[in-house]
Amino acid sequence: MKAWSTATENELRQLINEWDPIGVADSVRDEYDCMLPPLLGRLHGGAGPTEIAEFLQHEMEDHFGLESPCPQPDAVAARLVTWWAATHPARDAS
């Protein structure tokens, strides 16, 4: 059983679509959905901004084919970690 809900996935999708590093979210709302489970797994596991930023950078280069560094991975990572902490406060690991 996953540790997050469909609503959580939708919120994360919205945040990633607002970032929209390849500029397609207005026409392809699910373009970044391949990143949702890995991001949610990392966030659920306690990943910090550095790990999230590295994941975002890797995905943009290796999966999406951006040749230059992706725009603002550190800022987006910080926003995602802050969002996760606000919506999923520390809880029992069991």
C-alpha atoms as a PDB file:
ATOM      1  CA  MET A   1       0.000   0.000   0.000  1.00  0.00           C
ATOM      2  CA  LYS A   2       1.389   3.405  -0.920  1.00  0.00           C
ATOM      3  CA  ALA A   3       1.888   5.966   1.803  1.00  0.00           C
ATOM      4  CA  TRP A   4       0.102   8.786  -0.020  1.00  0.00           C
ATOM      5  CA  SER A   5      -3.269   9.469  -1.579  1.00  0.00           C
ATOM      6  CA  THR A   6      -4.462  10.396  -5.034  1.00  0.00           C
ATOM      7  CA  ALA A   7      -5.008  13.913  -3.680  1.00  0.00           C
ATOM      8  CA  THR A   8      -1.331  14.047  -2.704  1.00  0.00           C
ATOM      9  CA  GLU A   9      -0.324  12.914  -6.196  1.00  0.00           C
ATOM     10  CA  ASN A  10      -2.567  15.614  -7.690  1.00  0.00           C
ATOM     11  CA  GLU A  11      -1.010  18.292  -5.477  1.00  0.00           C
ATOM     12  CA  LEU A  12       2.483  17.200  -6.454  1.00  0.00           C
ATOM     13  CA  ARG A  13       1.470  17.122 -10.140  1.00  0.00           C
ATOM     14  CA  GLN A  14       0.248  20.698  -9.810  1.00  0.00           C
ATOM     15  CA  LEU A  15       3.521  21.829  -8.226  1.00  0.00           C
ATOM     16  CA  ILE A  16       5.611  20.138 -10.915  1.00  0.00           C
ATOM     17  CA  ASN A  17       3.357  21.523 -13.663  1.00  0.00           C
ATOM     18  CA  GLU A  18       3.768  25.027 -12.230  1.00  0.00           C
ATOM     19  CA  TRP A  19       7.542  24.551 -12.518  1.00  0.00           C
ATOM     20  CA  ASP A  20       7.133  23.094 -16.045  1.00  0.00           C
ATOM     21  CA  PRO A  21      10.833  22.907 -16.963  1.00  0.00           C
ATOM     22  CA  ILE A  22      10.225  21.846 -20.571  1.00  0.00           C
ATOM     23  CA  GLY A  23       7.276  24.166 -21.143  1.00  0.00           C
ATOM     24  CA  VAL A  24       4.512  21.712 -22.025  1.00  0.00           C
ATOM     25  CA  ALA A  25       2.259  21.513 -18.967  1.00  0.00           C
ATOM     26  CA  ASP A  26      -0.426  23.737 -20.475  1.00  0.00           C
ATOM     27  CA  SER A  27      -1.073  21.186 -23.209  1.00  0.00           C
ATOM     28  CA  VAL A  28       0.145  17.922 -21.628  1.00  0.00           C
ATOM     29  CA  ARG A  29      -0.953  17.848 -17.977  1.00  0.00           C
ATOM     30  CA  ASP A  30       0.560  14.413 -17.293  1.00  0.00           C
ATOM     31  CA  GLU A  31       3.961  14.961 -18.916  1.00  0.00           C
ATOM     32  CA  TYR A  32       5.821  14.763 -15.605  1.00  0.00           C
ATOM     33  CA  ASP A  33       3.735  11.974 -14.034  1.00  0.00           C
ATOM     34  CA  CYS A  34       6.639   9.551 -14.388  1.00  0.00           C
ATOM     35  CA  MET A  35       8.377  11.563 -11.660  1.00  0.00           C
ATOM     36  CA  LEU A  36       5.511  11.463  -9.157  1.00  0.00           C
ATOM     37  CA  PRO A  37       6.071   8.013  -7.580  1.00  0.00           C
ATOM     38  CA  PRO A  38       9.862   8.427  -7.276  1.00  0.00           C
ATOM     39  CA  LEU A  39       9.454  11.912  -5.812  1.00  0.00           C
ATOM     40  CA  LEU A  40       6.760  10.816  -3.383  1.00  0.00           C
ATOM     41  CA  GLY A  41       8.874   7.847  -2.330  1.00  0.00           C
ATOM     42  CA  ARG A  42      11.843  10.101  -1.685  1.00  0.00           C
ATOM     43  CA  LEU A  43       9.767  12.651   0.205  1.00  0.00           C
ATOM     44  CA  HIS A  44       8.087   9.925   2.264  1.00  0.00           C
ATOM     45  CA  GLY A  45      11.539   8.518   3.028  1.00  0.00           C
ATOM     46  CA  GLY A  46      12.731  11.860   4.389  1.00  0.00           C
ATOM     47  CA  ALA A  47      14.799  13.134   1.461  1.00  0.00           C
ATOM     48  CA  GLY A  48      15.955  16.690   1.793  1.00  0.00           C
ATOM     49  CA  PRO A  49      16.220  19.451  -0.785  1.00  0.00           C
ATOM     50  CA  THR A  50      19.647  18.359  -2.051  1.00  0.00           C
ATOM     51  CA  GLU A  51      18.526  14.812  -2.861  1.00  0.00           C
ATOM     52  CA  ILE A  52      15.312  16.061  -4.482  1.00  0.00           C
ATOM     53  CA  ALA A  53      17.205  18.644  -6.557  1.00  0.00           C
ATOM     54  CA  GLU A  54      19.662  15.988  -7.731  1.00  0.00           C
ATOM     55  CA  PHE A  55      16.767  13.733  -8.742  1.00  0.00           C
ATOM     56  CA  LEU A  56      15.065  16.562 -10.647  1.00  0.00           C
ATOM     57  CA  GLN A  57      18.283  17.485 -12.440  1.00  0.00           C
ATOM     58  CA  HIS A  58      18.946  13.856 -13.358  1.00  0.00           C
ATOM     59  CA  GLU A  59      15.415  13.337 -14.692  1.00  0.00           C
ATOM     60  CA  MET A  60      15.481  16.508 -16.753  1.00  0.00           C
ATOM     61  CA  GLU A  61      18.783  15.583 -18.359  1.00  0.00           C
ATOM     62  CA  ASP A  62      18.508  11.801 -18.695  1.00  0.00           C
ATOM     63  CA  HIS A  63      14.779  11.241 -19.163  1.00  0.00           C
ATOM     64  CA  PHE A  64      13.555  14.481 -20.718  1.00  0.00           C
ATOM     65  CA  GLY A  65      16.716  15.260 -22.667  1.00  0.00           C
ATOM     66  CA  LEU A  66      17.445  18.803 -21.530  1.00  0.00           C
ATOM     67  CA  GLU A  67      20.957  19.653 -22.660  1.00  0.00           C
ATOM     68  CA  SER A  68      21.523  22.487 -20.226  1.00  0.00           C
ATOM     69  CA  PRO A  69      20.916  22.442 -16.502  1.00  0.00           C
ATOM     70  CA  CYS A  70      17.226  22.450 -15.721  1.00  0.00           C
ATOM     71  CA  PRO A  71      15.767  25.701 -14.392  1.00  0.00           C
ATOM     72  CA  GLN A  72      15.854  26.153 -10.634  1.00  0.00           C
ATOM     73  CA  PRO A  73      16.063  22.560  -9.371  1.00  0.00           C
ATOM     74  CA  ASP A  74      17.192  23.797  -5.947  1.00  0.00           C
ATOM     75  CA  ALA A  75      14.265  26.204  -5.564  1.00  0.00           C
ATOM     76  CA  VAL A  76      11.751  23.612  -6.735  1.00  0.00           C
ATOM     77  CA  ALA A  77      13.246  20.967  -4.447  1.00  0.00           C
ATOM     78  CA  ALA A  78      12.989  23.313  -1.466  1.00  0.00           C
ATOM     79  CA  ARG A  79       9.377  24.056  -2.372  1.00  0.00           C
ATOM     80  CA  LEU A  80       8.543  20.333  -2.634  1.00  0.00           C
ATOM     81  CA  VAL A  81      10.188  19.502   0.700  1.00  0.00           C
ATOM     82  CA  THR A  82       8.364  22.403   2.373  1.00  0.00           C
ATOM     83  CA  TRP A  83       5.063  21.308   0.809  1.00  0.00           C
ATOM     84  CA  TRP A  84       5.587  17.725   1.971  1.00  0.00           C
ATOM     85  CA  ALA A  85       6.418  18.806   5.529  1.00  0.00           C
ATOM     86  CA  ALA A  86       3.317  21.012   5.666  1.00  0.00           C
ATOM     87  CA  THR A  87       0.939  18.414   4.244  1.00  0.00           C
ATOM     88  CA  HIS A  88       2.469  15.298   5.789  1.00  0.00           C
ATOM     89  CA  PRO A  89       3.807  16.294   9.210  1.00  0.00           C
ATOM     90  CA  ALA A  90       6.170  13.877  10.926  1.00  0.00           C
ATOM     91  CA  ARG A  91       4.332  10.760  11.854  1.00  0.00           C
ATOM     92  CA  ASP A  92       4.873   7.293  13.146  1.00  0.00           C
ATOM     93  CA  ALA A  93       7.107   5.195  10.897  1.00  0.00           C
ATOM     94  CA  SER A  94       4.979   2.117  11.553  1.00  0.00           C
END
